[in-house]
N, C-alpha and C. Protein backbone atom coordinates (compact mmCIF):
# COMPACT_ATOMS: atom_id res chain seq x y z
N GLN A 1 -1.77 -5.31 -21.41
CA GLN A 1 -0.64 -5.32 -21.55
C GLN A 1 0.82 -4.54 -20.68
N VAL A 2 1.25 -4.87 -20.20
CA VAL A 2 2.55 -4.07 -19.69
C VAL A 2 3.17 -3.26 -20.38
N GLN A 3 3.67 -2.07 -20.10
CA GLN A 3 4.93 -0.94 -20.98
C GLN A 3 4.83 -0.59 -20.38
N VAL A 4 6.81 -0.68 -20.39
CA VAL A 4 7.89 0.05 -20.15
C VAL A 4 8.68 0.86 -20.68
N ALA A 5 8.20 2.31 -20.24
CA ALA A 5 9.22 2.95 -20.36
C ALA A 5 10.68 3.39 -19.91
N GLU A 6 11.68 3.47 -20.31
CA GLU A 6 12.74 4.09 -19.35
C GLU A 6 13.04 5.36 -20.33
N SER A 7 14.21 6.04 -19.36
CA SER A 7 14.57 7.28 -20.04
C SER A 7 15.50 7.97 -19.02
N GLY A 8 16.49 8.72 -19.28
CA GLY A 8 17.32 9.68 -18.40
C GLY A 8 18.60 9.07 -19.12
N GLY A 9 19.20 7.94 -19.80
CA GLY A 9 20.84 7.65 -19.25
C GLY A 9 21.53 9.17 -20.08
N GLY A 10 22.53 8.79 -20.52
CA GLY A 10 23.06 9.05 -21.14
C GLY A 10 24.87 8.71 -21.11
N LEU A 11 25.30 10.05 -21.60
CA LEU A 11 27.47 10.00 -21.01
C LEU A 11 28.02 11.09 -20.12
N VAL A 12 28.23 10.74 -19.30
CA VAL A 12 29.05 10.95 -18.11
C VAL A 12 29.97 10.98 -17.36
N GLN A 13 30.29 11.94 -16.82
CA GLN A 13 32.20 11.90 -16.84
C GLN A 13 32.12 11.11 -15.05
N PRO A 14 32.92 10.62 -14.45
CA PRO A 14 33.26 10.57 -13.83
C PRO A 14 33.14 11.15 -12.47
N GLY A 15 32.34 10.47 -10.91
CA GLY A 15 31.78 11.64 -9.48
C GLY A 15 30.21 12.66 -10.38
N GLY A 16 29.67 12.42 -11.36
CA GLY A 16 28.68 13.03 -11.81
C GLY A 16 27.89 12.26 -11.06
N SER A 17 26.24 13.14 -11.80
CA SER A 17 25.05 11.90 -12.05
C SER A 17 24.19 12.43 -13.01
N LEU A 18 23.71 11.26 -12.18
CA LEU A 18 22.13 11.36 -13.20
C LEU A 18 20.81 10.69 -13.40
N ARG A 19 19.36 11.20 -13.49
CA ARG A 19 17.98 11.04 -12.92
C ARG A 19 17.58 9.79 -14.02
N LEU A 20 17.26 8.68 -14.13
CA LEU A 20 16.73 7.62 -13.95
C LEU A 20 15.42 7.74 -14.03
N SER A 21 14.45 7.76 -14.99
CA SER A 21 12.78 7.47 -14.84
C SER A 21 12.43 6.37 -15.85
N CYS A 22 10.41 5.88 -15.11
CA CYS A 22 10.54 4.37 -15.81
C CYS A 22 9.10 4.93 -15.92
N ALA A 23 8.44 4.17 -16.62
CA ALA A 23 7.18 5.06 -16.98
C ALA A 23 6.14 3.15 -17.43
N THR A 24 5.54 3.15 -16.70
CA THR A 24 4.84 1.55 -17.09
C THR A 24 3.47 2.17 -16.44
N SER A 25 3.13 0.94 -17.52
CA SER A 25 1.58 1.15 -18.01
C SER A 25 0.65 0.30 -18.16
N GLY A 26 -0.71 -0.35 -17.97
CA GLY A 26 -0.78 -1.17 -18.50
C GLY A 26 -1.18 -2.61 -16.94
N ILE A 27 -0.47 -1.72 -16.16
CA ILE A 27 -0.75 -2.99 -14.92
C ILE A 27 -1.79 -2.24 -13.47
N ILE A 28 -1.63 -3.68 -12.33
CA ILE A 28 -2.41 -3.34 -11.32
C ILE A 28 -1.85 -2.12 -10.46
N LEU A 29 -2.07 -1.60 -9.88
CA LEU A 29 -1.41 -0.03 -9.69
C LEU A 29 -0.90 -0.39 -7.85
N LYS A 30 -1.95 -1.73 -7.83
CA LYS A 30 -0.76 -2.13 -6.80
C LYS A 30 -0.13 -3.04 -6.35
N LEU A 31 0.36 -3.16 -7.52
CA LEU A 31 2.04 -3.53 -7.59
C LEU A 31 2.61 -3.78 -6.38
N ASN A 32 3.37 -3.97 -5.72
CA ASN A 32 3.98 -4.27 -4.61
C ASN A 32 5.69 -3.75 -4.43
N VAL A 33 6.45 -4.13 -5.26
CA VAL A 33 7.66 -4.07 -5.37
C VAL A 33 8.05 -3.71 -6.61
N MET A 34 9.63 -2.92 -6.42
CA MET A 34 9.81 -2.08 -8.30
C MET A 34 11.22 -2.34 -8.34
N GLY A 35 12.02 -2.69 -9.71
CA GLY A 35 13.05 -2.26 -9.40
C GLY A 35 13.33 -1.91 -10.29
N TRP A 36 15.30 -1.60 -10.46
CA TRP A 36 16.13 -1.51 -11.45
C TRP A 36 17.14 -2.44 -11.16
N TYR A 37 17.45 -2.64 -13.27
CA TYR A 37 18.73 -3.58 -12.40
C TYR A 37 18.99 -2.96 -14.27
N ARG A 38 20.55 -3.56 -14.06
CA ARG A 38 21.26 -3.41 -14.99
C ARG A 38 22.00 -4.51 -14.80
N GLN A 39 22.67 -3.75 -16.97
CA GLN A 39 24.05 -5.17 -17.07
C GLN A 39 24.32 -4.50 -17.98
N ALA A 40 25.93 -4.72 -18.04
CA ALA A 40 27.57 -4.77 -18.24
C ALA A 40 28.05 -4.93 -19.33
N PRO A 41 28.04 -4.84 -19.83
CA PRO A 41 28.82 -5.68 -21.88
C PRO A 41 29.60 -6.52 -21.54
N GLY A 42 29.36 -8.09 -21.59
CA GLY A 42 29.94 -9.44 -20.70
C GLY A 42 29.18 -10.06 -19.42
N LYS A 43 28.72 -8.86 -18.82
CA LYS A 43 28.19 -9.39 -17.41
C LYS A 43 26.76 -9.78 -16.97
N GLU A 44 25.91 -10.21 -16.48
CA GLU A 44 24.68 -11.25 -16.14
C GLU A 44 24.30 -9.76 -15.35
N ARG A 45 22.81 -9.86 -16.03
CA ARG A 45 21.61 -8.39 -14.98
C ARG A 45 22.15 -8.69 -13.90
N GLU A 46 22.30 -7.55 -13.12
CA GLU A 46 21.94 -7.46 -12.10
C GLU A 46 21.20 -6.45 -10.85
N LEU A 47 20.64 -6.81 -9.69
CA LEU A 47 19.68 -5.97 -8.89
C LEU A 47 20.25 -4.87 -8.58
N VAL A 48 19.28 -3.24 -9.29
CA VAL A 48 20.80 -2.12 -8.53
C VAL A 48 19.64 -1.95 -7.60
N ALA A 49 18.42 -1.69 -7.38
CA ALA A 49 17.90 -1.48 -6.45
C ALA A 49 16.31 -1.60 -6.61
N THR A 50 15.19 -1.65 -5.28
CA THR A 50 14.11 -1.75 -5.42
C THR A 50 14.00 -0.76 -4.20
N ILE A 51 12.63 -0.84 -4.88
CA ILE A 51 11.80 0.08 -3.49
C ILE A 51 9.68 -0.94 -3.82
N SER A 52 9.47 -0.89 -2.50
CA SER A 52 7.96 -1.86 -2.29
C SER A 52 6.40 -0.58 -2.15
N ARG A 53 5.64 -0.85 -2.29
CA ARG A 53 4.87 -0.11 -2.36
C ARG A 53 4.79 0.97 -1.84
N GLY A 54 5.03 0.12 0.02
CA GLY A 54 5.31 1.27 0.89
C GLY A 54 6.53 1.90 1.30
N GLY A 55 7.78 2.05 -0.16
CA GLY A 55 8.79 3.03 0.29
C GLY A 55 10.17 2.15 0.65
N THR A 56 9.27 0.66 1.05
CA THR A 56 11.12 -0.35 1.57
C THR A 56 11.50 0.03 0.76
N THR A 57 13.22 0.53 1.06
CA THR A 57 14.42 0.07 -0.23
C THR A 57 15.04 -1.21 0.18
N HIS A 58 15.00 -1.17 -1.07
CA HIS A 58 17.21 -2.35 -0.47
C HIS A 58 17.95 -1.83 -2.32
N TYR A 59 19.47 -2.30 -1.21
CA TYR A 59 20.58 -1.52 -2.79
C TYR A 59 21.36 -2.39 -2.78
N ALA A 60 22.18 -2.67 -3.84
CA ALA A 60 22.92 -3.67 -4.06
C ALA A 60 24.23 -2.90 -3.12
N ASP A 61 25.82 -3.22 -2.22
CA ASP A 61 25.66 -3.10 -2.37
C ASP A 61 27.24 -2.43 -2.45
N ALA A 62 27.46 -1.82 -3.73
CA ALA A 62 27.90 -1.31 -5.04
C ALA A 62 28.00 -0.13 -5.45
N VAL A 63 26.02 -0.01 -4.49
CA VAL A 63 25.50 1.60 -4.72
C VAL A 63 25.10 2.05 -3.87
N GLN A 64 25.02 1.07 -2.72
CA GLN A 64 24.66 1.86 -1.12
C GLN A 64 24.91 3.41 -1.26
N GLY A 65 24.37 4.14 -1.25
CA GLY A 65 25.38 5.80 -0.29
C GLY A 65 24.82 6.62 -1.67
N ARG A 66 25.15 5.87 -2.84
CA ARG A 66 25.12 7.22 -4.03
C ARG A 66 24.17 6.48 -4.95
N PHE A 67 22.95 5.84 -5.01
CA PHE A 67 22.44 5.95 -5.98
C PHE A 67 20.76 6.11 -4.82
N ALA A 68 19.56 6.43 -5.54
CA ALA A 68 18.47 6.92 -4.85
C ALA A 68 16.74 6.11 -5.04
N ILE A 69 16.16 5.05 -4.85
CA ILE A 69 15.30 5.04 -5.59
C ILE A 69 13.68 5.37 -5.13
N SER A 70 13.49 5.66 -6.08
CA SER A 70 12.17 6.80 -5.68
C SER A 70 10.67 5.53 -6.69
N ARG A 71 9.40 6.47 -6.07
CA ARG A 71 8.03 6.03 -7.07
C ARG A 71 6.96 7.03 -6.64
N ASP A 72 6.39 6.51 -7.30
CA ASP A 72 4.84 7.84 -7.44
C ASP A 72 3.77 7.01 -8.26
N ALA A 73 3.12 7.21 -8.71
CA ALA A 73 2.40 7.29 -9.61
C ALA A 73 0.46 8.73 -9.31
N ASP A 74 -0.10 8.11 -11.10
CA ASP A 74 -1.28 8.31 -11.05
C ASP A 74 -2.47 7.84 -11.64
N GLN A 75 -3.43 7.83 -12.03
CA GLN A 75 -5.26 6.41 -12.02
C GLN A 75 -4.08 5.66 -12.93
N ASN A 76 -3.23 5.57 -13.42
CA ASN A 76 -3.28 5.29 -14.49
C ASN A 76 -1.42 3.90 -14.77
N SER A 77 -0.57 4.82 -14.47
CA SER A 77 0.89 4.10 -14.06
C SER A 77 1.78 4.55 -12.98
N VAL A 78 2.57 4.29 -13.45
CA VAL A 78 3.64 3.97 -11.87
C VAL A 78 4.64 4.55 -12.29
N PHE A 79 5.67 5.24 -11.76
CA PHE A 79 6.20 5.91 -12.29
C PHE A 79 7.62 5.29 -11.29
N LEU A 80 8.93 4.88 -11.52
CA LEU A 80 9.94 4.89 -11.33
C LEU A 80 11.16 5.63 -11.09
N HIS A 81 12.28 6.03 -10.13
CA HIS A 81 13.69 6.77 -10.56
C HIS A 81 14.18 6.16 -9.89
N LEU A 82 15.58 6.91 -10.25
CA LEU A 82 16.90 6.90 -9.65
C LEU A 82 17.52 7.64 -9.59
N GLN A 83 17.78 8.07 -8.87
CA GLN A 83 18.71 9.23 -8.46
C GLN A 83 20.11 8.51 -8.40
N MET A 84 21.00 8.83 -9.34
CA MET A 84 22.46 8.45 -9.41
C MET A 84 23.44 9.44 -9.17
N ASN A 85 24.79 9.68 -7.98
CA ASN A 85 25.58 10.36 -7.66
C ASN A 85 26.38 9.99 -8.08
N GLY A 86 27.45 10.19 -7.80
CA GLY A 86 29.25 9.89 -7.25
C GLY A 86 29.03 9.08 -8.68
N LEU A 87 29.01 9.11 -9.54
CA LEU A 87 28.70 7.89 -10.57
C LEU A 87 30.91 7.33 -11.19
N LYS A 88 31.12 6.48 -10.99
CA LYS A 88 31.97 5.62 -11.52
C LYS A 88 31.75 4.33 -12.53
N SER A 89 33.40 4.74 -12.87
CA SER A 89 33.06 4.07 -14.26
C SER A 89 32.40 2.68 -14.82
N GLU A 90 32.96 1.74 -13.52
CA GLU A 90 32.07 0.52 -13.08
C GLU A 90 29.92 0.28 -13.57
N ASP A 91 29.67 1.88 -13.44
CA ASP A 91 28.63 1.83 -13.19
C ASP A 91 27.59 1.93 -15.03
N THR A 92 29.18 2.50 -15.81
CA THR A 92 28.79 2.13 -16.99
C THR A 92 27.56 0.53 -16.99
N ALA A 93 26.78 1.39 -17.90
CA ALA A 93 25.93 -0.14 -18.02
C ALA A 93 23.66 0.13 -18.76
N ALA A 94 23.71 -0.86 -18.81
CA ALA A 94 22.02 -1.17 -19.44
C ALA A 94 21.34 -0.88 -18.25
N TYR A 95 20.27 0.46 -18.11
CA TYR A 95 19.54 0.16 -17.56
C TYR A 95 18.09 -0.25 -17.38
N TYR A 96 17.94 -1.00 -16.83
CA TYR A 96 16.55 -1.73 -16.80
C TYR A 96 15.29 -1.25 -15.34
N CYS A 97 14.09 -1.02 -15.64
CA CYS A 97 12.90 -1.05 -14.79
C CYS A 97 11.73 -2.29 -14.96
N ASN A 98 11.97 -3.29 -13.85
CA ASN A 98 10.96 -4.10 -13.59
C ASN A 98 10.07 -4.10 -12.74
N ALA A 99 8.94 -4.94 -12.49
CA ALA A 99 8.71 -5.26 -11.11
C ALA A 99 9.35 -6.46 -10.52
N ALA A 100 8.86 -6.49 -9.16
CA ALA A 100 9.90 -7.44 -8.72
C ALA A 100 8.89 -8.90 -7.99
N ARG A 101 9.31 -9.71 -7.89
CA ARG A 101 8.67 -10.54 -6.40
C ARG A 101 8.82 -10.20 -4.73
N THR A 102 10.22 -9.79 -4.73
CA THR A 102 10.36 -9.62 -3.94
C THR A 102 11.31 -8.31 -3.45
N LEU A 103 12.23 -7.94 -2.71
CA LEU A 103 13.04 -6.31 -2.16
C LEU A 103 15.04 -7.06 -2.77
N PHE A 104 14.73 -8.59 -2.77
CA PHE A 104 15.77 -9.13 -3.11
C PHE A 104 15.92 -9.84 -5.08
N ASP A 105 14.64 -9.65 -5.28
CA ASP A 105 14.10 -10.23 -6.61
C ASP A 105 15.18 -10.01 -7.52
N THR A 106 15.99 -11.16 -8.20
CA THR A 106 16.78 -10.62 -9.19
C THR A 106 16.70 -10.36 -10.77
N GLU A 107 15.46 -11.49 -10.85
CA GLU A 107 15.24 -11.50 -12.26
C GLU A 107 13.90 -11.10 -12.78
N GLY A 108 12.93 -10.34 -12.03
CA GLY A 108 12.38 -9.89 -12.70
C GLY A 108 11.52 -10.27 -12.85
N LEU A 109 10.11 -9.02 -12.59
CA LEU A 109 8.32 -9.98 -13.36
C LEU A 109 8.19 -10.34 -14.30
N TRP A 110 8.50 -9.12 -14.91
CA TRP A 110 8.13 -9.51 -16.81
C TRP A 110 9.16 -8.29 -18.19
N PRO A 111 8.95 -9.46 -19.17
CA PRO A 111 9.41 -9.48 -20.30
C PRO A 111 10.10 -8.11 -19.66
N TRP A 112 11.63 -7.66 -20.16
CA TRP A 112 12.08 -6.59 -20.16
C TRP A 112 12.21 -5.67 -21.58
N GLY A 113 12.47 -4.09 -20.80
CA GLY A 113 12.28 -3.31 -22.30
C GLY A 113 13.68 -2.81 -22.61
N GLN A 114 13.62 -1.59 -23.55
CA GLN A 114 14.73 -1.38 -24.18
C GLN A 114 15.83 -1.03 -23.51
N GLY A 115 15.06 -0.41 -21.61
CA GLY A 115 16.69 0.11 -20.71
C GLY A 115 16.61 1.41 -21.11
N THR A 116 18.02 2.42 -21.06
CA THR A 116 18.55 2.69 -21.71
C THR A 116 20.18 2.87 -20.89
N GLN A 117 20.61 3.47 -21.47
CA GLN A 117 21.95 3.54 -21.99
C GLN A 117 22.93 3.86 -20.73
N VAL A 118 23.34 3.52 -19.85
CA VAL A 118 24.26 5.03 -18.64
C VAL A 118 25.79 4.92 -18.84
N THR A 119 26.25 5.93 -19.22
CA THR A 119 27.94 5.27 -19.82
C THR A 119 28.74 6.13 -19.48
N VAL A 120 29.41 6.15 -18.52
CA VAL A 120 30.52 6.52 -17.19
C VAL A 120 32.03 6.30 -18.29
N SER A 121 31.76 7.34 -18.11
CA SER A 121 33.77 7.65 -18.96
C SER A 121 33.73 9.63 -18.98
N SER A 122 35.13 9.61 -18.12
CA SER A 122 36.20 10.89 -19.40
C SER A 122 36.17 11.42 -20.42
């Protein structure tokens, strides 16, 4: 059974930074693509960034140049991170990590976890 735990969200002022992390377990460690997604109130969930096992990345236009996705793994888990700099009010959303079929997958592979809330406000 796949288990996903996102963390690192919080309240930050515009222009600030946050680092999100996601720990996964119960999966095949050869999983290729993983990604971060977000959902703002009243909006559909959207892809933020994805990364392949080889390190190839893809970013949504809205976060290109401000966010950086990375991943690492140990014997039992895969860890996904999202460094967010230059945060804007429009980045306010619940952020989720998930496996993805491709770098451009907008739907994710697994059932969604609890997510972590990011609020950008002065």
